[in-house]
Amino acid sequence: MNAHKIEVILTEDGTLTLQGLPFHAGDAVEVIILETKTLQHQALHKPDPYPLHNTQPYRYDDPTEPVALEDWEVLQ
């Protein structure tokens, strides 16, 4: 399957025109239309740059303590 990505803007009447595609006349193609995020949309919905701010920190009492020793077959 040969995939080709192109971004175009719809006209006011909803017409979509694709030009310069790398396919030949008579080739069967599948068209999937996805909405792209515009710069204006991205500016309104910026991700939080500090998602862990004001959350509880993790605490490790003994980070080098072995865990799940009973699960190791070689130790039995």
N, C-alpha and C. Protein backbone atom coordinates (compact mmCIF):
# COMPACT_ATOMS: atom_id res chain seq x y z
N MET A 1 0.85 -1.17 0.00
CA MET A 1 0.00 0.00 0.00
C MET A 1 0.89 1.22 0.00
N ASN A 2 0.64 2.11 -0.89
CA ASN A 2 1.40 3.35 -1.01
C ASN A 2 0.57 4.46 -0.39
N ALA A 3 1.06 5.11 0.67
CA ALA A 3 0.33 6.17 1.35
C ALA A 3 0.91 7.52 0.95
N HIS A 4 0.06 8.50 0.87
CA HIS A 4 0.48 9.86 0.53
C HIS A 4 -0.31 10.82 1.40
N LYS A 5 0.37 11.74 2.06
CA LYS A 5 -0.30 12.70 2.94
C LYS A 5 -0.24 14.07 2.30
N ILE A 6 -1.38 14.75 2.30
CA ILE A 6 -1.45 16.10 1.76
C ILE A 6 -2.45 16.88 2.61
N GLU A 7 -2.15 18.14 2.88
CA GLU A 7 -3.07 18.98 3.63
C GLU A 7 -3.68 20.00 2.69
N VAL A 8 -5.00 20.09 2.71
CA VAL A 8 -5.72 21.05 1.89
C VAL A 8 -6.79 21.71 2.75
N ILE A 9 -7.30 22.82 2.29
CA ILE A 9 -8.35 23.55 3.00
C ILE A 9 -9.62 23.48 2.16
N LEU A 10 -10.71 23.13 2.80
CA LEU A 10 -11.99 23.05 2.11
C LEU A 10 -12.45 24.43 1.68
N THR A 11 -13.13 24.49 0.56
CA THR A 11 -13.73 25.75 0.12
C THR A 11 -15.01 25.99 0.91
N GLU A 12 -15.61 27.15 0.75
CA GLU A 12 -16.81 27.50 1.51
C GLU A 12 -17.96 26.55 1.23
N ASP A 13 -18.04 26.02 0.02
CA ASP A 13 -19.13 25.10 -0.30
C ASP A 13 -18.81 23.65 0.05
N GLY A 14 -17.67 23.41 0.72
CA GLY A 14 -17.30 22.07 1.16
C GLY A 14 -16.62 21.24 0.09
N THR A 15 -16.17 21.87 -0.97
CA THR A 15 -15.49 21.14 -2.04
C THR A 15 -14.04 20.90 -1.68
N LEU A 16 -13.56 19.72 -1.98
CA LEU A 16 -12.18 19.33 -1.72
C LEU A 16 -11.51 19.01 -3.05
N THR A 17 -10.41 19.70 -3.35
CA THR A 17 -9.70 19.47 -4.60
C THR A 17 -8.29 19.00 -4.28
N LEU A 18 -7.92 17.84 -4.82
CA LEU A 18 -6.59 17.29 -4.61
C LEU A 18 -5.83 17.36 -5.92
N GLN A 19 -4.65 17.96 -5.88
CA GLN A 19 -3.84 18.09 -7.09
C GLN A 19 -2.44 17.57 -6.81
N GLY A 20 -1.78 17.09 -7.85
CA GLY A 20 -0.39 16.65 -7.73
C GLY A 20 -0.21 15.36 -6.97
N LEU A 21 -1.17 14.47 -7.05
CA LEU A 21 -1.06 13.19 -6.35
C LEU A 21 -0.12 12.26 -7.11
N PRO A 22 0.62 11.42 -6.39
CA PRO A 22 1.60 10.54 -7.03
C PRO A 22 0.99 9.23 -7.54
N PHE A 23 -0.21 9.29 -8.07
CA PHE A 23 -0.89 8.10 -8.59
C PHE A 23 -1.20 8.32 -10.06
N HIS A 24 -1.48 7.25 -10.74
CA HIS A 24 -1.74 7.31 -12.18
C HIS A 24 -3.25 7.24 -12.43
N ALA A 25 -3.67 7.75 -13.57
CA ALA A 25 -5.07 7.68 -13.96
C ALA A 25 -5.50 6.21 -14.01
N GLY A 26 -6.63 5.92 -13.42
CA GLY A 26 -7.14 4.55 -13.40
C GLY A 26 -6.76 3.78 -12.15
N ASP A 27 -5.82 4.30 -11.32
CA ASP A 27 -5.46 3.63 -10.07
C ASP A 27 -6.62 3.72 -9.08
N ALA A 28 -6.88 2.63 -8.39
CA ALA A 28 -7.89 2.65 -7.33
C ALA A 28 -7.22 3.18 -6.06
N VAL A 29 -7.85 4.15 -5.41
CA VAL A 29 -7.30 4.73 -4.19
C VAL A 29 -8.38 4.74 -3.11
N GLU A 30 -7.95 4.76 -1.88
CA GLU A 30 -8.85 4.87 -0.73
C GLU A 30 -8.64 6.25 -0.13
N VAL A 31 -9.71 6.96 0.17
CA VAL A 31 -9.62 8.31 0.70
C VAL A 31 -10.13 8.30 2.14
N ILE A 32 -9.28 8.75 3.06
CA ILE A 32 -9.64 8.90 4.47
C ILE A 32 -9.42 10.36 4.82
N ILE A 33 -10.43 11.01 5.35
CA ILE A 33 -10.33 12.43 5.65
C ILE A 33 -10.25 12.61 7.16
N LEU A 34 -9.18 13.26 7.62
CA LEU A 34 -8.98 13.55 9.04
C LEU A 34 -8.86 15.05 9.21
N GLU A 35 -9.46 15.56 10.27
CA GLU A 35 -9.34 16.99 10.57
C GLU A 35 -8.00 17.23 11.25
N THR A 36 -7.28 18.24 10.78
CA THR A 36 -6.00 18.57 11.41
C THR A 36 -6.21 19.65 12.44
N LYS A 37 -5.34 19.69 13.40
CA LYS A 37 -5.39 20.71 14.43
C LYS A 37 -4.81 21.99 13.86
N THR A 38 -5.55 23.06 13.92
CA THR A 38 -5.05 24.33 13.43
C THR A 38 -4.24 25.02 14.52
N LEU A 39 -3.44 25.96 14.14
CA LEU A 39 -2.65 26.69 15.13
C LEU A 39 -3.55 27.41 16.11
N GLN A 40 -4.66 27.93 15.63
CA GLN A 40 -5.59 28.64 16.51
C GLN A 40 -6.19 27.67 17.52
N HIS A 41 -6.55 26.47 17.09
CA HIS A 41 -7.11 25.46 17.99
C HIS A 41 -6.08 25.02 19.00
N GLN A 42 -4.82 24.86 18.58
CA GLN A 42 -3.77 24.45 19.50
C GLN A 42 -3.50 25.52 20.54
N ALA A 43 -3.61 26.79 20.16
CA ALA A 43 -3.36 27.88 21.11
C ALA A 43 -4.41 27.90 22.20
N LEU A 44 -5.64 27.50 21.89
CA LEU A 44 -6.71 27.49 22.88
C LEU A 44 -6.59 26.31 23.84
N HIS A 45 -6.01 25.22 23.39
CA HIS A 45 -5.93 24.01 24.19
C HIS A 45 -4.48 23.58 24.40
N LYS A 46 -3.71 24.45 25.01
CA LYS A 46 -2.31 24.09 25.28
C LYS A 46 -2.26 23.07 26.41
N PRO A 47 -1.43 22.06 26.28
CA PRO A 47 -1.29 21.11 27.38
C PRO A 47 -0.58 21.77 28.55
N ASP A 48 -0.89 21.29 29.73
CA ASP A 48 -0.27 21.83 30.94
C ASP A 48 1.22 21.48 30.93
N PRO A 49 2.11 22.49 30.95
CA PRO A 49 3.53 22.18 30.92
C PRO A 49 4.04 21.55 32.21
N TYR A 50 3.27 21.64 33.29
CA TYR A 50 3.67 21.07 34.58
C TYR A 50 2.54 20.20 35.13
N PRO A 51 2.29 19.03 34.54
CA PRO A 51 1.13 18.23 34.94
C PRO A 51 1.23 17.67 36.36
N LEU A 52 2.41 17.59 36.93
CA LEU A 52 2.55 17.05 38.28
C LEU A 52 2.63 18.13 39.36
N HIS A 53 2.48 19.40 38.96
CA HIS A 53 2.53 20.50 39.92
C HIS A 53 1.37 20.36 40.91
N ASN A 54 1.65 20.53 42.20
CA ASN A 54 0.68 20.43 43.30
C ASN A 54 0.12 19.02 43.47
N THR A 55 0.85 18.00 43.09
CA THR A 55 0.44 16.63 43.37
C THR A 55 1.33 16.08 44.47
N GLN A 56 0.91 15.00 45.07
CA GLN A 56 1.69 14.39 46.14
C GLN A 56 2.92 13.70 45.55
N PRO A 57 4.08 13.93 46.14
CA PRO A 57 5.28 13.25 45.65
C PRO A 57 5.27 11.78 46.06
N TYR A 58 5.94 10.97 45.27
CA TYR A 58 6.12 9.56 45.63
C TYR A 58 7.18 9.47 46.71
N ARG A 59 6.99 8.53 47.61
CA ARG A 59 7.93 8.36 48.70
C ARG A 59 8.40 6.91 48.71
N TYR A 60 9.70 6.74 48.72
CA TYR A 60 10.30 5.42 48.76
C TYR A 60 11.06 5.29 50.08
N ASP A 61 10.53 4.46 50.99
CA ASP A 61 11.16 4.29 52.29
C ASP A 61 12.48 3.54 52.16
N ASP A 62 12.50 2.49 51.39
CA ASP A 62 13.72 1.70 51.19
C ASP A 62 13.76 1.26 49.73
N PRO A 63 14.24 2.10 48.84
CA PRO A 63 14.17 1.79 47.42
C PRO A 63 15.02 0.61 46.98
N THR A 64 15.99 0.19 47.78
CA THR A 64 16.84 -0.94 47.40
C THR A 64 16.38 -2.25 48.02
N GLU A 65 15.27 -2.24 48.75
CA GLU A 65 14.76 -3.45 49.38
C GLU A 65 14.25 -4.41 48.31
N PRO A 66 14.62 -5.69 48.36
CA PRO A 66 14.13 -6.66 47.39
C PRO A 66 12.61 -6.83 47.51
N VAL A 67 11.96 -7.01 46.39
CA VAL A 67 10.51 -7.22 46.39
C VAL A 67 10.19 -8.51 45.65
N ALA A 68 9.10 -9.14 46.02
CA ALA A 68 8.58 -10.34 45.38
C ALA A 68 9.59 -11.49 45.33
N LEU A 69 10.32 -11.68 46.41
CA LEU A 69 11.30 -12.77 46.46
C LEU A 69 10.62 -14.14 46.34
N GLU A 70 9.40 -14.26 46.85
CA GLU A 70 8.70 -15.55 46.79
C GLU A 70 8.29 -15.91 45.37
N ASP A 71 8.31 -14.97 44.44
CA ASP A 71 7.94 -15.24 43.05
C ASP A 71 9.09 -15.79 42.21
N TRP A 72 10.31 -15.71 42.72
CA TRP A 72 11.46 -16.18 41.96
C TRP A 72 11.64 -17.69 42.15
N GLU A 73 11.50 -18.45 41.08
CA GLU A 73 11.61 -19.91 41.16
C GLU A 73 13.02 -20.36 41.54
N VAL A 74 14.02 -19.64 41.12
CA VAL A 74 15.39 -20.06 41.37
C VAL A 74 15.73 -20.00 42.86
N LEU A 75 15.05 -19.19 43.64
CA LEU A 75 15.32 -19.07 45.07
C LEU A 75 14.60 -20.13 45.89
N GLN A 76 13.75 -20.92 45.27
CA GLN A 76 12.98 -21.91 46.03
C GLN A 76 13.62 -23.27 45.99
